[in-house]
Amino acid sequence: MNNLIFLFILVPVLSLVLLGLNLLLSTHNPDESKVSPYECGFLGIEGQTRSTFQIHFYIVGLLFLVFDLEILLLMPIGVTLYQVSTFGFSIAIIFFIILTIGFVLEISSGAVSLSNSNN
């Protein structure tokens, strides 16, 4: 039997068997806190469905991911720089220039603050 066909048969069958075992063998006795909308323990205010939160933390997290990927690309470029010659080096420089322009735009828009002031 072909390995790929075996994989397409084995994975769904195995997942269905494991899900079935979970349904059969697991205990199902939810308490009041587990079925409440706020499982973390905080009670919602009556009549208010939304609360205010600062989106700045999410923006910083997304920016971290983007620039973390930039750092991740530094290693392969550094290792293969002798093999990719001038063309690969120029592509890498263009990539880092575009990311640097994006970082400057983020700083100028105020998404990232370089000062430690709490204003």
N, C-alpha and C. Protein backbone atom coordinates (compact mmCIF):
# COMPACT_ATOMS: atom_id res chain seq x y z
N MET A 1 0.85 -1.18 0.00
CA MET A 1 0.00 0.00 0.00
C MET A 1 0.89 1.24 0.00
N ASN A 2 0.48 2.22 -0.75
CA ASN A 2 1.25 3.45 -0.85
C ASN A 2 1.26 4.17 0.51
N ASN A 3 2.39 4.78 0.85
CA ASN A 3 2.52 5.45 2.15
C ASN A 3 1.56 6.62 2.29
N LEU A 4 1.33 7.35 1.22
CA LEU A 4 0.44 8.51 1.28
C LEU A 4 -1.01 8.09 1.47
N ILE A 5 -1.43 7.03 0.79
CA ILE A 5 -2.79 6.52 0.96
C ILE A 5 -2.96 5.99 2.39
N PHE A 6 -1.94 5.30 2.88
CA PHE A 6 -1.97 4.80 4.25
C PHE A 6 -2.10 5.94 5.24
N LEU A 7 -1.41 7.05 4.99
CA LEU A 7 -1.49 8.22 5.86
C LEU A 7 -2.88 8.83 5.84
N PHE A 8 -3.48 8.93 4.66
CA PHE A 8 -4.82 9.51 4.55
C PHE A 8 -5.89 8.60 5.15
N ILE A 9 -5.61 7.33 5.29
CA ILE A 9 -6.56 6.42 5.94
C ILE A 9 -6.30 6.37 7.45
N LEU A 10 -5.03 6.29 7.84
CA LEU A 10 -4.69 6.12 9.25
C LEU A 10 -5.03 7.34 10.10
N VAL A 11 -4.75 8.52 9.63
CA VAL A 11 -4.96 9.72 10.44
C VAL A 11 -6.44 9.94 10.77
N PRO A 12 -7.36 9.91 9.82
CA PRO A 12 -8.77 10.09 10.22
C PRO A 12 -9.28 8.96 11.12
N VAL A 13 -8.88 7.72 10.83
CA VAL A 13 -9.35 6.60 11.66
C VAL A 13 -8.81 6.74 13.08
N LEU A 14 -7.53 7.06 13.21
CA LEU A 14 -6.93 7.22 14.53
C LEU A 14 -7.56 8.38 15.30
N SER A 15 -7.83 9.49 14.62
CA SER A 15 -8.44 10.63 15.30
C SER A 15 -9.86 10.31 15.75
N LEU A 16 -10.63 9.59 14.93
CA LEU A 16 -11.98 9.21 15.33
C LEU A 16 -11.97 8.22 16.49
N VAL A 17 -11.03 7.29 16.49
CA VAL A 17 -10.92 6.33 17.59
C VAL A 17 -10.56 7.05 18.88
N LEU A 18 -9.61 7.97 18.83
CA LEU A 18 -9.20 8.70 20.04
C LEU A 18 -10.32 9.60 20.54
N LEU A 19 -11.06 10.26 19.65
CA LEU A 19 -12.19 11.07 20.07
C LEU A 19 -13.29 10.22 20.70
N GLY A 20 -13.54 9.05 20.13
CA GLY A 20 -14.53 8.15 20.69
C GLY A 20 -14.13 7.65 22.07
N LEU A 21 -12.84 7.31 22.24
CA LEU A 21 -12.36 6.89 23.55
C LEU A 21 -12.50 8.01 24.57
N ASN A 22 -12.25 9.23 24.15
CA ASN A 22 -12.39 10.36 25.04
C ASN A 22 -13.83 10.53 25.49
N LEU A 23 -14.77 10.40 24.56
CA LEU A 23 -16.18 10.54 24.93
C LEU A 23 -16.65 9.40 25.83
N LEU A 24 -16.15 8.20 25.61
CA LEU A 24 -16.57 7.05 26.41
C LEU A 24 -15.95 7.03 27.80
N LEU A 25 -14.69 7.37 27.92
CA LEU A 25 -13.98 7.18 29.17
C LEU A 25 -13.89 8.42 30.06
N SER A 26 -14.18 9.59 29.53
CA SER A 26 -14.04 10.79 30.35
C SER A 26 -15.28 11.02 31.19
N THR A 27 -15.08 11.62 32.36
CA THR A 27 -16.21 11.96 33.22
C THR A 27 -16.79 13.29 32.78
N HIS A 28 -18.10 13.37 32.83
CA HIS A 28 -18.78 14.59 32.39
C HIS A 28 -19.68 15.09 33.51
N ASN A 29 -19.10 15.89 34.39
CA ASN A 29 -19.87 16.51 35.46
C ASN A 29 -19.43 17.96 35.63
N PRO A 30 -19.88 18.84 34.73
CA PRO A 30 -19.46 20.24 34.82
C PRO A 30 -20.13 20.93 36.01
N ASP A 31 -19.36 21.76 36.69
CA ASP A 31 -19.93 22.54 37.77
C ASP A 31 -20.35 23.91 37.25
N GLU A 32 -20.84 24.75 38.14
CA GLU A 32 -21.39 26.04 37.72
C GLU A 32 -20.33 26.96 37.12
N SER A 33 -19.11 26.91 37.65
CA SER A 33 -18.08 27.81 37.14
C SER A 33 -17.59 27.39 35.75
N LYS A 34 -17.65 26.09 35.45
CA LYS A 34 -17.19 25.63 34.14
C LYS A 34 -18.16 25.98 33.02
N VAL A 35 -19.44 26.05 33.32
CA VAL A 35 -20.40 26.36 32.27
C VAL A 35 -20.72 27.85 32.21
N SER A 36 -20.13 28.64 33.10
CA SER A 36 -20.36 30.09 33.06
C SER A 36 -19.55 30.70 31.93
N PRO A 37 -19.97 31.86 31.41
CA PRO A 37 -19.23 32.47 30.31
C PRO A 37 -17.85 32.96 30.71
N TYR A 38 -17.65 33.27 31.99
CA TYR A 38 -16.35 33.75 32.46
C TYR A 38 -15.73 32.67 33.33
N GLU A 39 -14.99 31.77 32.71
CA GLU A 39 -14.42 30.65 33.42
C GLU A 39 -13.27 31.08 34.32
N CYS A 40 -12.74 32.29 34.12
CA CYS A 40 -11.58 32.73 34.89
C CYS A 40 -11.94 33.08 36.32
N GLY A 41 -13.21 33.16 36.68
CA GLY A 41 -13.60 33.46 38.04
C GLY A 41 -14.20 34.83 38.22
N PHE A 42 -14.05 35.71 37.26
CA PHE A 42 -14.64 37.04 37.36
C PHE A 42 -16.10 36.98 36.91
N LEU A 43 -16.95 37.62 37.64
CA LEU A 43 -18.35 37.69 37.27
C LEU A 43 -18.58 38.90 36.39
N GLY A 44 -19.38 38.72 35.37
CA GLY A 44 -19.68 39.83 34.47
C GLY A 44 -20.64 40.82 35.11
N ILE A 45 -20.52 42.07 34.73
CA ILE A 45 -21.42 43.10 35.24
C ILE A 45 -22.73 42.97 34.48
N GLU A 46 -23.82 42.99 35.20
CA GLU A 46 -25.14 42.81 34.60
C GLU A 46 -25.43 43.93 33.61
N GLY A 47 -25.79 43.58 32.40
CA GLY A 47 -26.13 44.57 31.38
C GLY A 47 -24.95 45.07 30.57
N GLN A 48 -23.75 44.71 30.94
CA GLN A 48 -22.56 45.16 30.20
C GLN A 48 -21.88 43.94 29.59
N THR A 49 -21.79 43.94 28.28
CA THR A 49 -21.19 42.79 27.62
C THR A 49 -19.75 43.04 27.21
N ARG A 50 -19.34 44.29 27.18
CA ARG A 50 -17.97 44.59 26.77
C ARG A 50 -17.26 45.35 27.87
N SER A 51 -15.98 45.14 27.97
CA SER A 51 -15.17 45.90 28.92
C SER A 51 -14.03 46.55 28.15
N THR A 52 -13.50 47.62 28.72
CA THR A 52 -12.42 48.33 28.05
C THR A 52 -11.11 47.60 28.30
N PHE A 53 -10.29 47.58 27.30
CA PHE A 53 -8.96 47.02 27.44
C PHE A 53 -8.04 47.80 26.52
N GLN A 54 -6.75 47.77 26.86
CA GLN A 54 -5.77 48.49 26.05
C GLN A 54 -5.27 47.57 24.94
N ILE A 55 -5.44 48.01 23.73
CA ILE A 55 -5.02 47.20 22.59
C ILE A 55 -3.52 47.35 22.32
N HIS A 56 -2.88 48.24 23.06
CA HIS A 56 -1.45 48.47 22.89
C HIS A 56 -0.64 47.19 23.11
N PHE A 57 -1.07 46.34 24.04
CA PHE A 57 -0.35 45.09 24.30
C PHE A 57 -0.41 44.15 23.10
N TYR A 58 -1.55 44.11 22.45
CA TYR A 58 -1.69 43.26 21.27
C TYR A 58 -0.85 43.79 20.11
N ILE A 59 -0.81 45.10 19.96
CA ILE A 59 0.00 45.70 18.89
C ILE A 59 1.47 45.40 19.11
N VAL A 60 1.92 45.54 20.35
CA VAL A 60 3.32 45.25 20.66
C VAL A 60 3.62 43.77 20.41
N GLY A 61 2.67 42.90 20.75
CA GLY A 61 2.86 41.47 20.50
C GLY A 61 2.97 41.15 19.02
N LEU A 62 2.11 41.76 18.20
CA LEU A 62 2.17 41.54 16.75
C LEU A 62 3.46 42.10 16.16
N LEU A 63 3.89 43.26 16.64
CA LEU A 63 5.15 43.82 16.15
C LEU A 63 6.33 42.94 16.56
N PHE A 64 6.25 42.38 17.76
CA PHE A 64 7.30 41.46 18.18
C PHE A 64 7.39 40.27 17.25
N LEU A 65 6.24 39.72 16.85
CA LEU A 65 6.25 38.57 15.95
C LEU A 65 6.89 38.91 14.61
N VAL A 66 6.56 40.08 14.08
CA VAL A 66 7.12 40.48 12.78
C VAL A 66 8.64 40.61 12.87
N PHE A 67 9.13 41.29 13.90
CA PHE A 67 10.56 41.50 13.99
C PHE A 67 11.29 40.29 14.53
N ASP A 68 10.58 39.39 15.19
CA ASP A 68 11.19 38.13 15.58
C ASP A 68 11.45 37.27 14.34
N LEU A 69 10.53 37.32 13.38
CA LEU A 69 10.77 36.61 12.13
C LEU A 69 11.93 37.21 11.35
N GLU A 70 12.11 38.52 11.47
CA GLU A 70 13.26 39.14 10.82
C GLU A 70 14.55 38.60 11.41
N ILE A 71 14.62 38.48 12.71
CA ILE A 71 15.81 37.93 13.36
C ILE A 71 16.00 36.47 12.97
N LEU A 72 14.88 35.75 12.82
CA LEU A 72 14.96 34.36 12.42
C LEU A 72 15.58 34.21 11.03
N LEU A 73 15.37 35.19 10.16
CA LEU A 73 15.94 35.12 8.81
C LEU A 73 17.40 35.54 8.75
N LEU A 74 17.91 36.12 9.82
CA LEU A 74 19.33 36.51 9.82
C LEU A 74 20.26 35.30 9.78
N MET A 75 19.91 34.24 10.47
CA MET A 75 20.80 33.07 10.54
C MET A 75 21.01 32.39 9.19
N PRO A 76 19.95 32.07 8.42
CA PRO A 76 20.22 31.45 7.12
C PRO A 76 20.96 32.38 6.16
N ILE A 77 20.69 33.66 6.26
CA ILE A 77 21.41 34.59 5.38
C ILE A 77 22.88 34.64 5.75
N GLY A 78 23.17 34.66 7.04
CA GLY A 78 24.56 34.68 7.48
C GLY A 78 25.30 33.41 7.13
N VAL A 79 24.62 32.27 7.20
CA VAL A 79 25.29 31.00 6.93
C VAL A 79 25.53 30.81 5.44
N THR A 80 24.59 31.23 4.59
CA THR A 80 24.71 30.97 3.16
C THR A 80 25.19 32.19 2.37
N LEU A 81 25.77 33.16 3.04
CA LEU A 81 26.16 34.38 2.34
C LEU A 81 27.25 34.15 1.28
N TYR A 82 28.14 33.21 1.53
CA TYR A 82 29.18 32.93 0.53
C TYR A 82 28.62 32.22 -0.69
N GLN A 83 27.54 31.45 -0.53
CA GLN A 83 26.98 30.70 -1.64
C GLN A 83 26.02 31.53 -2.49
N VAL A 84 25.35 32.51 -1.89
CA VAL A 84 24.33 33.24 -2.64
C VAL A 84 24.90 34.42 -3.42
N SER A 85 26.14 34.72 -3.22
CA SER A 85 26.89 35.78 -3.93
C SER A 85 26.23 37.14 -3.78
N THR A 86 26.48 38.01 -4.73
CA THR A 86 26.01 39.40 -4.61
C THR A 86 24.51 39.53 -4.80
N PHE A 87 23.92 38.67 -5.62
CA PHE A 87 22.48 38.75 -5.84
C PHE A 87 21.71 38.45 -4.54
N GLY A 88 22.08 37.37 -3.86
CA GLY A 88 21.43 37.04 -2.60
C GLY A 88 21.65 38.09 -1.54
N PHE A 89 22.86 38.65 -1.51
CA PHE A 89 23.15 39.72 -0.55
C PHE A 89 22.30 40.95 -0.83
N SER A 90 22.14 41.30 -2.10
CA SER A 90 21.33 42.47 -2.43
C SER A 90 19.85 42.25 -2.09
N ILE A 91 19.34 41.04 -2.32
CA ILE A 91 17.96 40.73 -1.94
C ILE A 91 17.79 40.84 -0.42
N ALA A 92 18.77 40.34 0.34
CA ALA A 92 18.70 40.42 1.80
C ALA A 92 18.74 41.87 2.26
N ILE A 93 19.57 42.68 1.65
CA ILE A 93 19.66 44.11 2.01
C ILE A 93 18.34 44.81 1.70
N ILE A 94 17.74 44.51 0.56
CA ILE A 94 16.44 45.12 0.21
C ILE A 94 15.37 44.70 1.23
N PHE A 95 15.38 43.43 1.63
CA PHE A 95 14.43 42.95 2.63
C PHE A 95 14.59 43.69 3.95
N PHE A 96 15.81 43.85 4.40
CA PHE A 96 16.04 44.52 5.67
C PHE A 96 15.78 46.02 5.59
N ILE A 97 15.99 46.62 4.43
CA ILE A 97 15.65 48.04 4.25
C ILE A 97 14.14 48.23 4.35
N ILE A 98 13.37 47.34 3.72
CA ILE A 98 11.90 47.43 3.80
C ILE A 98 11.44 47.27 5.25
N LEU A 99 12.00 46.32 5.98
CA LEU A 99 11.62 46.14 7.38
C LEU A 99 12.05 47.33 8.24
N THR A 100 13.19 47.93 7.93
CA THR A 100 13.62 49.10 8.68
C THR A 100 12.70 50.29 8.43
N ILE A 101 12.26 50.45 7.19
CA ILE A 101 11.30 51.52 6.88
C ILE A 101 10.00 51.28 7.64
N GLY A 102 9.55 50.04 7.71
CA GLY A 102 8.36 49.72 8.48
C GLY A 102 8.53 50.01 9.96
N PHE A 103 9.70 49.71 10.50
CA PHE A 103 9.96 50.00 11.91
C PHE A 103 9.98 51.50 12.18
N VAL A 104 10.57 52.27 11.27
CA VAL A 104 10.58 53.73 11.43
C VAL A 104 9.15 54.28 11.37
N LEU A 105 8.32 53.74 10.47
CA LEU A 105 6.92 54.17 10.40
C LEU A 105 6.16 53.82 11.67
N GLU A 106 6.45 52.68 12.27
CA GLU A 106 5.79 52.30 13.52
C GLU A 106 6.18 53.24 14.65
N ILE A 107 7.44 53.60 14.71
CA ILE A 107 7.88 54.53 15.75
C ILE A 107 7.24 55.89 15.53
N SER A 108 7.19 56.35 14.28
CA SER A 108 6.63 57.68 14.02
C SER A 108 5.12 57.73 14.23
N SER A 109 4.43 56.59 14.06
CA SER A 109 2.98 56.58 14.29
C SER A 109 2.63 56.47 15.76
N GLY A 110 3.60 56.13 16.60
CA GLY A 110 3.36 56.04 18.03
C GLY A 110 2.98 54.65 18.50
N ALA A 111 3.04 53.64 17.63
CA ALA A 111 2.71 52.28 18.04
C ALA A 111 3.73 51.73 19.02
N VAL A 112 4.98 52.13 18.84
CA VAL A 112 6.04 51.73 19.75
C VAL A 112 6.68 52.98 20.32
N SER A 113 6.77 53.04 21.63
CA SER A 113 7.38 54.19 22.28
C SER A 113 8.75 53.78 22.80
N LEU A 114 9.77 54.52 22.44
CA LEU A 114 11.10 54.20 22.87
C LEU A 114 11.45 54.80 24.23
N SER A 115 10.63 55.73 24.72
CA SER A 115 10.89 56.34 26.01
C SER A 115 10.21 55.53 27.10
N ASN A 116 10.65 55.69 28.32
CA ASN A 116 10.10 54.96 29.45
C ASN A 116 9.05 55.76 30.20
N SER A 117 8.54 56.82 29.63
CA SER A 117 7.54 57.63 30.30
C SER A 117 6.19 56.92 30.27
N ASN A 118 5.42 57.08 31.32
CA ASN A 118 4.12 56.43 31.44
C ASN A 118 3.00 57.41 31.16
N ASN A 119 3.05 58.10 30.06
CA ASN A 119 2.01 59.07 29.73
C ASN A 119 0.91 58.43 28.98
